[in-house]
Amino acid sequence: MAGVRVAVRLPDDYDASARAAIVTRVGGEFSADDLLDRAVVRLDTYGPDKVAALDLAGTVRGLMWLAPEASHAGGAVVSDVAEDRGPSWLRDPGFPHANRYTTRYVLLIRVSRGPA
């Protein structure tokens, strides 16, 4: 995803001309006994126009299915990815001129117990 800003929020001076993917945890639950995190994650994609934003949503969608095969920080293991809501056009009230598609995923993540 060369040239795509991936972050947890858009910069304050975002002018809606660049492609960006914003990742936000919006819910879920953690089971301390099993060390399992069921994270609900919203992925917003932005582009200079609706077509570019939707195209980026498709690219991100394809990459999400690879998460169980990737190495993750701290030894976390993503064992399952489910799409909870497919790409949907949604105006961003903080950036009214931005072109945004939002998709929601549920990730099942086994986390490592840290040092005591």
C-alpha atoms as a PDB file:
ATOM      1  CA  MET A   1       0.000   0.000   0.000  1.00  0.00           C
ATOM      2  CA  ALA A   2       2.690   2.419  -1.056  1.00  0.00           C
ATOM      3  CA  GLY A   3       1.678   6.034  -0.652  1.00  0.00           C
ATOM      4  CA  VAL A   4      -1.154   5.236   1.778  1.00  0.00           C
ATOM      5  CA  ARG A   5      -1.050   6.748   5.238  1.00  0.00           C
ATOM      6  CA  VAL A   6      -2.062   4.111   7.831  1.00  0.00           C
ATOM      7  CA  ALA A   7      -2.836   5.581  11.248  1.00  0.00           C
ATOM      8  CA  VAL A   8      -5.304   5.696  14.115  1.00  0.00           C
ATOM      9  CA  ARG A   9      -6.636   9.120  13.096  1.00  0.00           C
ATOM     10  CA  LEU A  10      -6.413  11.581  10.263  1.00  0.00           C
ATOM     11  CA  PRO A  11      -4.127  14.564  10.739  1.00  0.00           C
ATOM     12  CA  ASP A  12      -5.949  17.772  11.608  1.00  0.00           C
ATOM     13  CA  ASP A  13      -4.859  19.320   8.314  1.00  0.00           C
ATOM     14  CA  TYR A  14      -6.108  16.438   6.108  1.00  0.00           C
ATOM     15  CA  ASP A  15      -7.272  18.030   2.849  1.00  0.00           C
ATOM     16  CA  ALA A  16      -9.065  14.973   1.355  1.00  0.00           C
ATOM     17  CA  SER A  17      -6.589  14.682  -1.514  1.00  0.00           C
ATOM     18  CA  ALA A  18      -4.516  11.749  -0.212  1.00  0.00           C
ATOM     19  CA  ARG A  19      -5.298   8.074   0.298  1.00  0.00           C
ATOM     20  CA  ALA A  20      -5.402   6.981   3.940  1.00  0.00           C
ATOM     21  CA  ALA A  21      -6.499   3.988   6.024  1.00  0.00           C
ATOM     22  CA  ILE A  22      -7.557   4.681   9.595  1.00  0.00           C
ATOM     23  CA  VAL A  23      -7.840   1.820  12.100  1.00  0.00           C
ATOM     24  CA  THR A  24     -10.069   2.198  15.173  1.00  0.00           C
ATOM     25  CA  ARG A  25     -10.991  -0.368  17.783  1.00  0.00           C
ATOM     26  CA  VAL A  26     -14.693   0.174  18.416  1.00  0.00           C
ATOM     27  CA  GLY A  27     -15.475  -2.683  20.786  1.00  0.00           C
ATOM     28  CA  GLY A  28     -15.001  -6.309  21.629  1.00  0.00           C
ATOM     29  CA  GLU A  29     -14.052  -8.250  24.690  1.00  0.00           C
ATOM     30  CA  PHE A  30     -10.953  -9.725  26.285  1.00  0.00           C
ATOM     31  CA  SER A  31     -10.900 -13.006  28.180  1.00  0.00           C
ATOM     32  CA  ALA A  32      -8.015 -12.895  30.644  1.00  0.00           C
ATOM     33  CA  ASP A  33      -8.424 -16.589  31.491  1.00  0.00           C
ATOM     34  CA  ASP A  34      -7.963 -17.664  27.864  1.00  0.00           C
ATOM     35  CA  LEU A  35      -5.784 -14.729  26.781  1.00  0.00           C
ATOM     36  CA  LEU A  36      -8.195 -14.213  23.855  1.00  0.00           C
ATOM     37  CA  ASP A  37      -9.137 -10.812  22.533  1.00  0.00           C
ATOM     38  CA  ARG A  38     -12.225 -10.563  20.324  1.00  0.00           C
ATOM     39  CA  ALA A  39     -11.600  -7.107  18.874  1.00  0.00           C
ATOM     40  CA  VAL A  40     -14.164  -5.238  16.809  1.00  0.00           C
ATOM     41  CA  VAL A  41     -12.209  -2.972  14.480  1.00  0.00           C
ATOM     42  CA  ARG A  42     -13.454  -0.292  12.104  1.00  0.00           C
ATOM     43  CA  LEU A  43     -11.305   0.426   9.079  1.00  0.00           C
ATOM     44  CA  ASP A  44     -11.991   3.713   7.305  1.00  0.00           C
ATOM     45  CA  THR A  45     -10.460   4.300   3.893  1.00  0.00           C
ATOM     46  CA  TYR A  46     -10.131   7.720   2.303  1.00  0.00           C
ATOM     47  CA  GLY A  47      -9.263   8.827  -1.193  1.00  0.00           C
ATOM     48  CA  PRO A  48      -9.324  11.878  -3.446  1.00  0.00           C
ATOM     49  CA  ASP A  49     -12.670  10.663  -4.829  1.00  0.00           C
ATOM     50  CA  LYS A  50     -15.261   7.981  -4.017  1.00  0.00           C
ATOM     51  CA  VAL A  51     -13.798   5.530  -6.535  1.00  0.00           C
ATOM     52  CA  ALA A  52     -10.299   5.784  -5.013  1.00  0.00           C
ATOM     53  CA  ALA A  53     -11.665   5.417  -1.470  1.00  0.00           C
ATOM     54  CA  LEU A  54     -13.655   2.316  -2.455  1.00  0.00           C
ATOM     55  CA  ASP A  55     -10.680   0.861  -4.338  1.00  0.00           C
ATOM     56  CA  LEU A  56      -8.536   1.281  -1.224  1.00  0.00           C
ATOM     57  CA  ALA A  57     -11.272  -0.393   0.859  1.00  0.00           C
ATOM     58  CA  GLY A  58     -11.041  -3.375  -1.510  1.00  0.00           C
ATOM     59  CA  THR A  59      -7.256  -3.518  -1.180  1.00  0.00           C
ATOM     60  CA  VAL A  60      -7.459  -3.388   2.627  1.00  0.00           C
ATOM     61  CA  ARG A  61     -10.217  -6.011   2.557  1.00  0.00           C
ATOM     62  CA  GLY A  62      -7.925  -8.387   0.674  1.00  0.00           C
ATOM     63  CA  LEU A  63      -5.098  -7.795   3.141  1.00  0.00           C
ATOM     64  CA  MET A  64      -7.282  -8.406   6.195  1.00  0.00           C
ATOM     65  CA  TRP A  65      -7.730 -12.066   5.224  1.00  0.00           C
ATOM     66  CA  LEU A  66      -3.924 -12.452   5.396  1.00  0.00           C
ATOM     67  CA  ALA A  67      -3.744 -11.376   9.074  1.00  0.00           C
ATOM     68  CA  PRO A  68      -3.810 -14.984  10.394  1.00  0.00           C
ATOM     69  CA  GLU A  69      -0.702 -15.753   8.322  1.00  0.00           C
ATOM     70  CA  ALA A  70       1.324 -12.709   9.432  1.00  0.00           C
ATOM     71  CA  SER A  71       3.690 -12.173  12.358  1.00  0.00           C
ATOM     72  CA  HIS A  72       2.432  -9.673  14.939  1.00  0.00           C
ATOM     73  CA  ALA A  73       4.017  -7.589  17.680  1.00  0.00           C
ATOM     74  CA  GLY A  74       4.449  -9.139  21.093  1.00  0.00           C
ATOM     75  CA  GLY A  75       3.774 -12.659  19.831  1.00  0.00           C
ATOM     76  CA  ALA A  76       0.047 -12.018  19.296  1.00  0.00           C
ATOM     77  CA  VAL A  77      -1.625 -14.495  16.958  1.00  0.00           C
ATOM     78  CA  VAL A  78      -4.646 -13.541  14.859  1.00  0.00           C
ATOM     79  CA  SER A  79      -6.528 -16.805  14.486  1.00  0.00           C
ATOM     80  CA  ASP A  80      -9.687 -15.556  12.772  1.00  0.00           C
ATOM     81  CA  VAL A  81     -10.935 -12.586  10.758  1.00  0.00           C
ATOM     82  CA  ALA A  82     -14.618 -11.993  10.049  1.00  0.00           C
ATOM     83  CA  GLU A  83     -16.146  -9.100   8.175  1.00  0.00           C
ATOM     84  CA  ASP A  84     -18.947  -7.697  10.316  1.00  0.00           C
ATOM     85  CA  ARG A  85     -20.053  -4.989   7.874  1.00  0.00           C
ATOM     86  CA  GLY A  86     -18.845  -4.579   4.299  1.00  0.00           C
ATOM     87  CA  PRO A  87     -17.554  -1.352   2.779  1.00  0.00           C
ATOM     88  CA  SER A  88     -20.159   1.389   3.155  1.00  0.00           C
ATOM     89  CA  TRP A  89     -20.051   5.017   2.077  1.00  0.00           C
ATOM     90  CA  LEU A  90     -20.214   7.191   5.180  1.00  0.00           C
ATOM     91  CA  ARG A  91     -19.656  10.930   5.344  1.00  0.00           C
ATOM     92  CA  ASP A  92     -17.008  11.925   7.913  1.00  0.00           C
ATOM     93  CA  PRO A  93     -18.410  14.780  10.027  1.00  0.00           C
ATOM     94  CA  GLY A  94     -14.896  15.878  11.006  1.00  0.00           C
ATOM     95  CA  PHE A  95     -13.799  16.098   7.368  1.00  0.00           C
ATOM     96  CA  PRO A  96     -16.934  16.931   5.351  1.00  0.00           C
ATOM     97  CA  HIS A  97     -15.091  17.079   2.009  1.00  0.00           C
ATOM     98  CA  ALA A  98     -13.425  13.687   2.496  1.00  0.00           C
ATOM     99  CA  ASN A  99     -14.438  10.566   0.586  1.00  0.00           C
ATOM    100  CA  ARG A 100     -14.706   7.741   3.124  1.00  0.00           C
ATOM    101  CA  TYR A 101     -15.710   4.103   3.080  1.00  0.00           C
ATOM    102  CA  THR A 102     -15.976   2.261   6.378  1.00  0.00           C
ATOM    103  CA  THR A 103     -15.735  -1.501   6.976  1.00  0.00           C
ATOM    104  CA  ARG A 104     -15.972  -3.355  10.276  1.00  0.00           C
ATOM    105  CA  TYR A 105     -14.114  -6.556  11.174  1.00  0.00           C
ATOM    106  CA  VAL A 106     -13.999  -8.896  14.144  1.00  0.00           C
ATOM    107  CA  LEU A 107     -10.533 -10.265  14.932  1.00  0.00           C
ATOM    108  CA  LEU A 108      -9.880 -13.179  17.279  1.00  0.00           C
ATOM    109  CA  ILE A 109      -6.435 -12.617  18.758  1.00  0.00           C
ATOM    110  CA  ARG A 110      -4.497 -14.817  21.167  1.00  0.00           C
ATOM    111  CA  VAL A 111      -2.164 -12.630  23.193  1.00  0.00           C
ATOM    112  CA  SER A 112       0.969 -13.648  25.051  1.00  0.00           C
ATOM    113  CA  ARG A 113       1.172 -13.393  28.796  1.00  0.00           C
ATOM    114  CA  GLY A 114       3.746 -10.723  29.599  1.00  0.00           C
ATOM    115  CA  PRO A 115       6.558 -11.159  32.112  1.00  0.00           C
ATOM    116  CA  ALA A 116       5.371 -11.261  35.716  1.00  0.00           C
END
